[in-house]
C-alpha atoms as a PDB file:
ATOM      1  CA  UNK A   1       6.365 -41.323  -8.174  1.00  0.00           C
ATOM      2  CA  UNK A   2       8.480 -38.708  -6.362  1.00  0.00           C
ATOM      3  CA  UNK A   3       6.432 -36.510  -4.412  1.00  0.00           C
ATOM      4  CA  UNK A   4       7.170 -32.735  -5.579  1.00  0.00           C
ATOM      5  CA  UNK A   5       6.638 -31.158  -1.803  1.00  0.00           C
ATOM      6  CA  UNK A   6       8.948 -33.582  -0.276  1.00  0.00           C
ATOM      7  CA  UNK A   7      12.009 -32.966  -2.597  1.00  0.00           C
ATOM      8  CA  UNK A   8      11.149 -29.298  -2.053  1.00  0.00           C
ATOM      9  CA  UNK A   9      11.576 -29.736   1.336  1.00  0.00           C
ATOM     10  CA  UNK A  10      14.701 -31.945   1.055  1.00  0.00           C
ATOM     11  CA  UNK A  11      16.969 -29.532  -0.796  1.00  0.00           C
ATOM     12  CA  UNK A  12      15.352 -26.555   0.546  1.00  0.00           C
ATOM     13  CA  UNK A  13      16.284 -28.295   4.355  1.00  0.00           C
ATOM     14  CA  UNK A  14      19.927 -29.052   2.459  1.00  0.00           C
ATOM     15  CA  UNK A  15      20.507 -25.593   2.357  1.00  0.00           C
ATOM     16  CA  UNK A  16      19.563 -24.527   5.529  1.00  0.00           C
ATOM     17  CA  UNK A  17      22.875 -26.598   6.066  1.00  0.00           C
ATOM     18  CA  UNK A  18      24.730 -25.019   4.384  1.00  0.00           C
ATOM     19  CA  UNK A  19      23.044 -21.482   4.368  1.00  0.00           C
ATOM     20  CA  UNK A  20      25.821 -20.182   7.111  1.00  0.00           C
ATOM     21  CA  UNK A  21      29.068 -21.252   5.033  1.00  0.00           C
ATOM     22  CA  UNK A  22      27.743 -19.022   1.750  1.00  0.00           C
ATOM     23  CA  UNK A  23      28.982 -15.555   2.399  1.00  0.00           C
ATOM     24  CA  UNK A  24      25.780 -15.437  -0.528  1.00  0.00           C
ATOM     25  CA  UNK A  25      22.204 -14.495   0.766  1.00  0.00           C
ATOM     26  CA  UNK A  26      19.542 -18.078  -0.112  1.00  0.00           C
ATOM     27  CA  UNK A  27      16.411 -17.028  -1.493  1.00  0.00           C
ATOM     28  CA  UNK A  28      13.846 -19.372  -2.589  1.00  0.00           C
ATOM     29  CA  UNK A  29      10.814 -18.004  -4.601  1.00  0.00           C
ATOM     30  CA  UNK A  30       7.225 -20.104  -5.151  1.00  0.00           C
ATOM     31  CA  UNK A  31       6.964 -18.835  -8.510  1.00  0.00           C
ATOM     32  CA  UNK A  32       2.680 -19.855  -8.532  1.00  0.00           C
ATOM     33  CA  UNK A  33       2.295 -17.125  -5.299  1.00  0.00           C
ATOM     34  CA  UNK A  34       5.088 -15.171  -6.234  1.00  0.00           C
ATOM     35  CA  UNK A  35       6.486 -15.653  -2.660  1.00  0.00           C
ATOM     36  CA  UNK A  36       9.942 -16.122  -0.645  1.00  0.00           C
ATOM     37  CA  UNK A  37       9.886 -20.054  -0.198  1.00  0.00           C
ATOM     38  CA  UNK A  38      13.037 -19.946   1.831  1.00  0.00           C
ATOM     39  CA  UNK A  39      15.416 -17.072   2.930  1.00  0.00           C
ATOM     40  CA  UNK A  40      19.029 -17.877   4.517  1.00  0.00           C
ATOM     41  CA  UNK A  41      19.108 -16.349   8.297  1.00  0.00           C
ATOM     42  CA  UNK A  42      21.502 -14.090   6.732  1.00  0.00           C
ATOM     43  CA  UNK A  43      19.064 -12.408   4.502  1.00  0.00           C
ATOM     44  CA  UNK A  44      16.676 -13.017   7.373  1.00  0.00           C
ATOM     45  CA  UNK A  45      18.584 -10.317   9.868  1.00  0.00           C
ATOM     46  CA  UNK A  46      19.860  -7.948   6.837  1.00  0.00           C
ATOM     47  CA  UNK A  47      16.363  -7.396   6.058  1.00  0.00           C
ATOM     48  CA  UNK A  48      15.051  -7.151   9.744  1.00  0.00           C
ATOM     49  CA  UNK A  49      12.134 -10.044   9.205  1.00  0.00           C
ATOM     50  CA  UNK A  50      11.406 -13.444   9.360  1.00  0.00           C
ATOM     51  CA  UNK A  51      10.403 -16.436   7.451  1.00  0.00           C
ATOM     52  CA  UNK A  52       6.956 -15.966   8.445  1.00  0.00           C
ATOM     53  CA  UNK A  53       6.408 -11.943   7.626  1.00  0.00           C
ATOM     54  CA  UNK A  54       8.680 -12.836   4.581  1.00  0.00           C
ATOM     55  CA  UNK A  55       5.688 -15.963   3.622  1.00  0.00           C
ATOM     56  CA  UNK A  56       3.286 -13.404   4.346  1.00  0.00           C
ATOM     57  CA  UNK A  57       4.135 -10.547   2.208  1.00  0.00           C
ATOM     58  CA  UNK A  58       3.109 -12.091  -1.336  1.00  0.00           C
ATOM     59  CA  UNK A  59       4.170 -10.456  -3.755  1.00  0.00           C
ATOM     60  CA  UNK A  60       4.549  -7.357  -1.756  1.00  0.00           C
ATOM     61  CA  UNK A  61       7.957  -8.647  -0.631  1.00  0.00           C
ATOM     62  CA  UNK A  62       9.869  -7.688  -4.297  1.00  0.00           C
ATOM     63  CA  UNK A  63       8.358  -3.805  -3.696  1.00  0.00           C
ATOM     64  CA  UNK A  64       9.277  -3.480  -0.338  1.00  0.00           C
ATOM     65  CA  UNK A  65      12.839  -4.392   0.171  1.00  0.00           C
ATOM     66  CA  UNK A  66      14.585  -3.631  -3.419  1.00  0.00           C
ATOM     67  CA  UNK A  67      14.844  -1.020  -5.863  1.00  0.00           C
ATOM     68  CA  UNK A  68      12.048  -0.486  -8.412  1.00  0.00           C
ATOM     69  CA  UNK A  69      14.329   1.440 -10.942  1.00  0.00           C
ATOM     70  CA  UNK A  70      16.732  -2.127 -11.160  1.00  0.00           C
ATOM     71  CA  UNK A  71      13.550  -4.309 -11.209  1.00  0.00           C
ATOM     72  CA  UNK A  72      12.098  -2.936 -14.276  1.00  0.00           C
ATOM     73  CA  UNK A  73      15.446  -4.144 -15.917  1.00  0.00           C
ATOM     74  CA  UNK A  74      15.747  -7.430 -14.313  1.00  0.00           C
ATOM     75  CA  UNK A  75      12.477  -8.950 -13.588  1.00  0.00           C
ATOM     76  CA  UNK A  76      12.011  -9.582 -17.142  1.00  0.00           C
ATOM     77  CA  UNK A  77      15.380 -11.440 -17.622  1.00  0.00           C
ATOM     78  CA  UNK A  78      13.842 -12.919 -15.026  1.00  0.00           C
ATOM     79  CA  UNK A  79      10.622 -14.217 -16.585  1.00  0.00           C
ATOM     80  CA  UNK A  80      12.715 -15.203 -19.841  1.00  0.00           C
ATOM     81  CA  UNK A  81      14.614 -17.431 -17.688  1.00  0.00           C
ATOM     82  CA  UNK A  82      11.499 -18.753 -16.534  1.00  0.00           C
ATOM     83  CA  UNK A  83       9.386 -19.756 -19.955  1.00  0.00           C
ATOM     84  CA  UNK A  84      13.125 -20.783 -21.659  1.00  0.00           C
ATOM     85  CA  UNK A  85      13.216 -23.147 -19.154  1.00  0.00           C
ATOM     86  CA  UNK A  86      16.406 -24.514 -19.472  1.00  0.00           C
ATOM     87  CA  UNK A  87      18.871 -26.976 -16.904  1.00  0.00           C
ATOM     88  CA  UNK A  88      21.830 -24.646 -17.533  1.00  0.00           C
ATOM     89  CA  UNK A  89      20.487 -20.869 -18.296  1.00  0.00           C
ATOM     90  CA  UNK A  90      20.946 -17.983 -15.174  1.00  0.00           C
ATOM     91  CA  UNK A  91      20.498 -14.551 -14.614  1.00  0.00           C
ATOM     92  CA  UNK A  92      22.820 -12.153 -13.006  1.00  0.00           C
ATOM     93  CA  UNK A  93      22.085  -8.555 -12.196  1.00  0.00           C
ATOM     94  CA  UNK A  94      23.147  -5.681  -9.764  1.00  0.00           C
ATOM     95  CA  UNK A  95      20.312  -4.851  -7.293  1.00  0.00           C
ATOM     96  CA  UNK A  96      19.740  -2.080  -4.196  1.00  0.00           C
ATOM     97  CA  UNK A  97      18.398  -3.500  -1.096  1.00  0.00           C
ATOM     98  CA  UNK A  98      17.498  -1.931   2.287  1.00  0.00           C
ATOM     99  CA  UNK A  99      15.352  -3.146   5.045  1.00  0.00           C
ATOM    100  CA  UNK A 100      13.152   0.156   5.168  1.00  0.00           C
ATOM    101  CA  UNK A 101      12.586   3.455   3.726  1.00  0.00           C
ATOM    102  CA  UNK A 102      14.893   5.323   6.588  1.00  0.00           C
ATOM    103  CA  UNK A 103      18.186   3.172   5.523  1.00  0.00           C
ATOM    104  CA  UNK A 104      20.656   3.588   2.936  1.00  0.00           C
ATOM    105  CA  UNK A 105      20.198   1.531  -0.365  1.00  0.00           C
ATOM    106  CA  UNK A 106      22.975  -1.302  -0.772  1.00  0.00           C
ATOM    107  CA  UNK A 107      24.585  -2.664  -3.812  1.00  0.00           C
ATOM    108  CA  UNK A 108      24.125  -6.739  -4.290  1.00  0.00           C
ATOM    109  CA  UNK A 109      25.501  -9.020  -7.366  1.00  0.00           C
ATOM    110  CA  UNK A 110      22.820 -11.948  -7.525  1.00  0.00           C
ATOM    111  CA  UNK A 111      22.204 -14.225 -10.260  1.00  0.00           C
ATOM    112  CA  UNK A 112      19.075 -16.305  -9.741  1.00  0.00           C
ATOM    113  CA  UNK A 113      18.096 -19.499 -11.680  1.00  0.00           C
ATOM    114  CA  UNK A 114      15.172 -22.367 -12.293  1.00  0.00           C
ATOM    115  CA  UNK A 115      15.272 -24.611  -8.368  1.00  0.00           C
ATOM    116  CA  UNK A 116      12.315 -27.006  -8.234  1.00  0.00           C
ATOM    117  CA  UNK A 117      10.078 -28.044 -11.362  1.00  0.00           C
ATOM    118  CA  UNK A 118       6.989 -30.470 -10.650  1.00  0.00           C
ATOM    119  CA  UNK A 119       5.831 -34.179 -12.574  1.00  0.00           C
ATOM    120  CA  UNK A 120       5.499 -31.826 -15.751  1.00  0.00           C
ATOM    121  CA  UNK A 121       8.657 -30.557 -16.135  1.00  0.00           C
ATOM    122  CA  UNK A 122       7.760 -26.681 -15.571  1.00  0.00           C
ATOM    123  CA  UNK A 123       9.340 -24.552 -13.071  1.00  0.00           C
ATOM    124  CA  UNK A 124       8.052 -24.015  -9.533  1.00  0.00           C
ATOM    125  CA  UNK A 125      10.294 -21.920  -8.219  1.00  0.00           C
ATOM    126  CA  UNK A 126      13.614 -20.523  -8.004  1.00  0.00           C
ATOM    127  CA  UNK A 127      16.590 -19.206  -6.075  1.00  0.00           C
ATOM    128  CA  UNK A 128      18.405 -16.839  -5.893  1.00  0.00           C
ATOM    129  CA  UNK A 129      22.367 -15.785  -4.566  1.00  0.00           C
ATOM    130  CA  UNK A 130      22.967 -12.422  -3.515  1.00  0.00           C
ATOM    131  CA  UNK A 131      26.431 -11.419  -2.481  1.00  0.00           C
ATOM    132  CA  UNK A 132      26.586  -7.638  -0.742  1.00  0.00           C
ATOM    133  CA  UNK A 133      29.416  -5.348  -2.508  1.00  0.00           C
ATOM    134  CA  UNK A 134      31.226  -3.162  -0.343  1.00  0.00           C
ATOM    135  CA  UNK A 135      29.959   0.668  -0.583  1.00  0.00           C
ATOM    136  CA  UNK A 136      33.600   1.533  -0.730  1.00  0.00           C
ATOM    137  CA  UNK A 137      34.100  -0.924  -3.853  1.00  0.00           C
ATOM    138  CA  UNK A 138      35.069   0.648  -7.388  1.00  0.00           C
ATOM    139  CA  UNK A 139      32.212  -1.152  -8.812  1.00  0.00           C
ATOM    140  CA  UNK A 140      29.898  -0.055  -6.719  1.00  0.00           C
ATOM    141  CA  UNK A 141      30.584   3.983  -8.158  1.00  0.00           C
ATOM    142  CA  UNK A 142      30.502   2.327 -12.257  1.00  0.00           C
ATOM    143  CA  UNK A 143      27.164   0.284 -11.266  1.00  0.00           C
ATOM    144  CA  UNK A 144      25.976   3.989  -9.884  1.00  0.00           C
ATOM    145  CA  UNK A 145      27.147   5.956 -12.582  1.00  0.00           C
ATOM    146  CA  UNK A 146      25.526   3.220 -15.316  1.00  0.00           C
ATOM    147  CA  UNK A 147      22.306   2.817 -13.238  1.00  0.00           C
ATOM    148  CA  UNK A 148      22.170   6.672 -13.595  1.00  0.00           C
ATOM    149  CA  UNK A 149      22.332   6.662 -16.996  1.00  0.00           C
ATOM    150  CA  UNK A 150      19.761   3.726 -17.960  1.00  0.00           C
ATOM    151  CA  UNK A 151      17.588   6.140 -15.813  1.00  0.00           C
ATOM    152  CA  UNK A 152      18.252   8.865 -17.836  1.00  0.00           C
ATOM    153  CA  UNK A 153      17.937   6.710 -21.068  1.00  0.00           C
ATOM    154  CA  UNK A 154      14.350   5.435 -20.062  1.00  0.00           C
ATOM    155  CA  UNK A 155      13.199   8.974 -19.010  1.00  0.00           C
ATOM    156  CA  UNK A 156      14.119  10.523 -22.468  1.00  0.00           C
ATOM    157  CA  UNK A 157      13.905   8.226 -25.210  1.00  0.00           C
ATOM    158  CA  UNK A 158      11.149   9.385 -26.389  1.00  0.00           C
ATOM    159  CA  UNK A 159      11.987  12.901 -26.484  1.00  0.00           C
ATOM    160  CA  UNK A 160      15.276  11.991 -28.010  1.00  0.00           C
ATOM    161  CA  UNK A 161      13.324  10.420 -30.435  1.00  0.00           C
ATOM    162  CA  UNK A 162      11.573  13.172 -31.347  1.00  0.00           C
ATOM    163  CA  UNK A 163      14.527  14.537 -32.966  1.00  0.00           C
ATOM    164  CA  UNK A 164      15.256  14.518 -37.018  1.00  0.00           C
ATOM    165  CA  UNK A 165      17.882  12.711 -38.335  1.00  0.00           C
ATOM    166  CA  UNK A 166      19.756  16.248 -39.008  1.00  0.00           C
ATOM    167  CA  UNK A 167      19.139  17.196 -35.490  1.00  0.00           C
ATOM    168  CA  UNK A 168      21.196  14.108 -33.990  1.00  0.00           C
ATOM    169  CA  UNK A 169      24.095  14.892 -36.310  1.00  0.00           C
ATOM    170  CA  UNK A 170      23.940  18.233 -35.298  1.00  0.00           C
ATOM    171  CA  UNK A 171      23.632  17.530 -31.331  1.00  0.00           C
ATOM    172  CA  UNK A 172      26.631  15.395 -31.540  1.00  0.00           C
ATOM    173  CA  UNK A 173      29.018  18.532 -33.226  1.00  0.00           C
ATOM    174  CA  UNK A 174      26.939  21.126 -30.998  1.00  0.00           C
ATOM    175  CA  UNK A 175      28.033  18.317 -27.796  1.00  0.00           C
ATOM    176  CA  UNK A 176      31.933  17.994 -29.507  1.00  0.00           C
ATOM    177  CA  UNK A 177      32.343  21.807 -29.317  1.00  0.00           C
ATOM    178  CA  UNK A 178      31.746  23.018 -32.817  1.00  0.00           C
ATOM    179  CA  UNK A 179      30.342  26.769 -33.124  1.00  0.00           C
ATOM    180  CA  UNK A 180      27.203  27.378 -35.591  1.00  0.00           C
ATOM    181  CA  UNK A 181      30.192  28.085 -38.583  1.00  0.00           C
ATOM    182  CA  UNK A 182      32.150  24.836 -37.725  1.00  0.00           C
ATOM    183  CA  UNK A 183      28.440  23.220 -38.200  1.00  0.00           C
ATOM    184  CA  UNK A 184      27.328  25.288 -41.220  1.00  0.00           C
ATOM    185  CA  UNK A 185      30.628  24.114 -42.638  1.00  0.00           C
ATOM    186  CA  UNK A 186      30.539  20.614 -42.333  1.00  0.00           C
ATOM    187  CA  UNK A 187      27.176  20.304 -43.198  1.00  0.00           C
ATOM    188  CA  UNK A 188      26.907  23.296 -46.875  1.00  0.00           C
ATOM    189  CA  UNK A 189      24.355  25.373 -45.049  1.00  0.00           C
ATOM    190  CA  UNK A 190      23.768  28.628 -44.114  1.00  0.00           C
ATOM    191  CA  UNK A 191      24.543  29.869 -40.581  1.00  0.00           C
ATOM    192  CA  UNK A 192      21.044  30.929 -40.149  1.00  0.00           C
ATOM    193  CA  UNK A 193      20.005  27.124 -40.348  1.00  0.00           C
ATOM    194  CA  UNK A 194      21.984  25.965 -38.199  1.00  0.00           C
ATOM    195  CA  UNK A 195      20.688  28.370 -35.842  1.00  0.00           C
ATOM    196  CA  UNK A 196      17.440  27.214 -35.924  1.00  0.00           C
ATOM    197  CA  UNK A 197      18.250  23.781 -35.703  1.00  0.00           C
ATOM    198  CA  UNK A 198      20.322  24.557 -32.562  1.00  0.00           C
ATOM    199  CA  UNK A 199      17.389  26.547 -31.384  1.00  0.00           C
ATOM    200  CA  UNK A 200      14.736  23.381 -32.089  1.00  0.00           C
ATOM    201  CA  UNK A 201      16.721  21.389 -30.542  1.00  0.00           C
ATOM    202  CA  UNK A 202      17.610  22.390 -27.500  1.00  0.00           C
ATOM    203  CA  UNK A 203      13.449  23.204 -26.976  1.00  0.00           C
ATOM    204  CA  UNK A 204      12.981  19.625 -27.881  1.00  0.00           C
ATOM    205  CA  UNK A 205      15.229  18.578 -25.499  1.00  0.00           C
ATOM    206  CA  UNK A 206      14.679  21.401 -22.934  1.00  0.00           C
ATOM    207  CA  UNK A 207      18.716  21.639 -22.538  1.00  0.00           C
ATOM    208  CA  UNK A 208      19.583  24.558 -20.437  1.00  0.00           C
ATOM    209  CA  UNK A 209      22.917  24.212 -20.664  1.00  0.00           C
ATOM    210  CA  UNK A 210      26.162  22.826 -23.305  1.00  0.00           C
ATOM    211  CA  UNK A 211      25.809  20.135 -20.178  1.00  0.00           C
ATOM    212  CA  UNK A 212      22.551  19.292 -20.999  1.00  0.00           C
ATOM    213  CA  UNK A 213      23.808  18.799 -25.071  1.00  0.00           C
ATOM    214  CA  UNK A 214      26.394  16.904 -23.859  1.00  0.00           C
ATOM    215  CA  UNK A 215      24.845  14.421 -21.369  1.00  0.00           C
ATOM    216  CA  UNK A 216      22.377  13.751 -24.419  1.00  0.00           C
ATOM    217  CA  UNK A 217      24.867  13.329 -26.542  1.00  0.00           C
ATOM    218  CA  UNK A 218      26.766  11.035 -24.439  1.00  0.00           C
ATOM    219  CA  UNK A 219      23.679   9.210 -22.875  1.00  0.00           C
ATOM    220  CA  UNK A 220      22.682   8.005 -26.726  1.00  0.00           C
ATOM    221  CA  UNK A 221      26.036   7.218 -27.938  1.00  0.00           C
ATOM    222  CA  UNK A 222      26.534  10.494 -30.938  1.00  0.00           C
ATOM    223  CA  UNK A 223      29.680  10.979 -29.236  1.00  0.00           C
END
């Protein structure tokens, strides 16, 4: 029977021999301890650390170097990947990384899959390849925009849910620039009723301007 520890050592040794040939950073995580088992020298240089420090950090590693706003999105998907335990499965995601709080976040496109299993076939380690994205690349601007919208959705999900069906319909028309008379005609109701709906919508959303109204409508796919 093969020794899992020996097999892990051999696989990491192979990564060490190839690590410098890849433009991506290579990271192996121990799923039991939630610590870094291996990181290629390129990654250690980017994070301004070393393997001894990384192993000692344990789970703190995830919070020290990565933007928690993206972690809320990709960590559940990684956990699902581990639980499903399929050979052909992987998770790809964008993440922001920095060595310490005094630096700007930098974007990486990463992909994670299961790297090692024990004798019972249960995952013990996963491997991640993280590719840096140039800050002036057009995709960085798009990712920032998507991240901002995703954060807005999470922050105001319950606020938007408090709107009635009719208020959401009227919110959509408000965002499209319809005035009270137009909205009244659309729903065959009085302008006074429309004015009441508009006031309630603004109060519930704490909307101070037409920009706020439009942003809610766009974020929640009303327009």
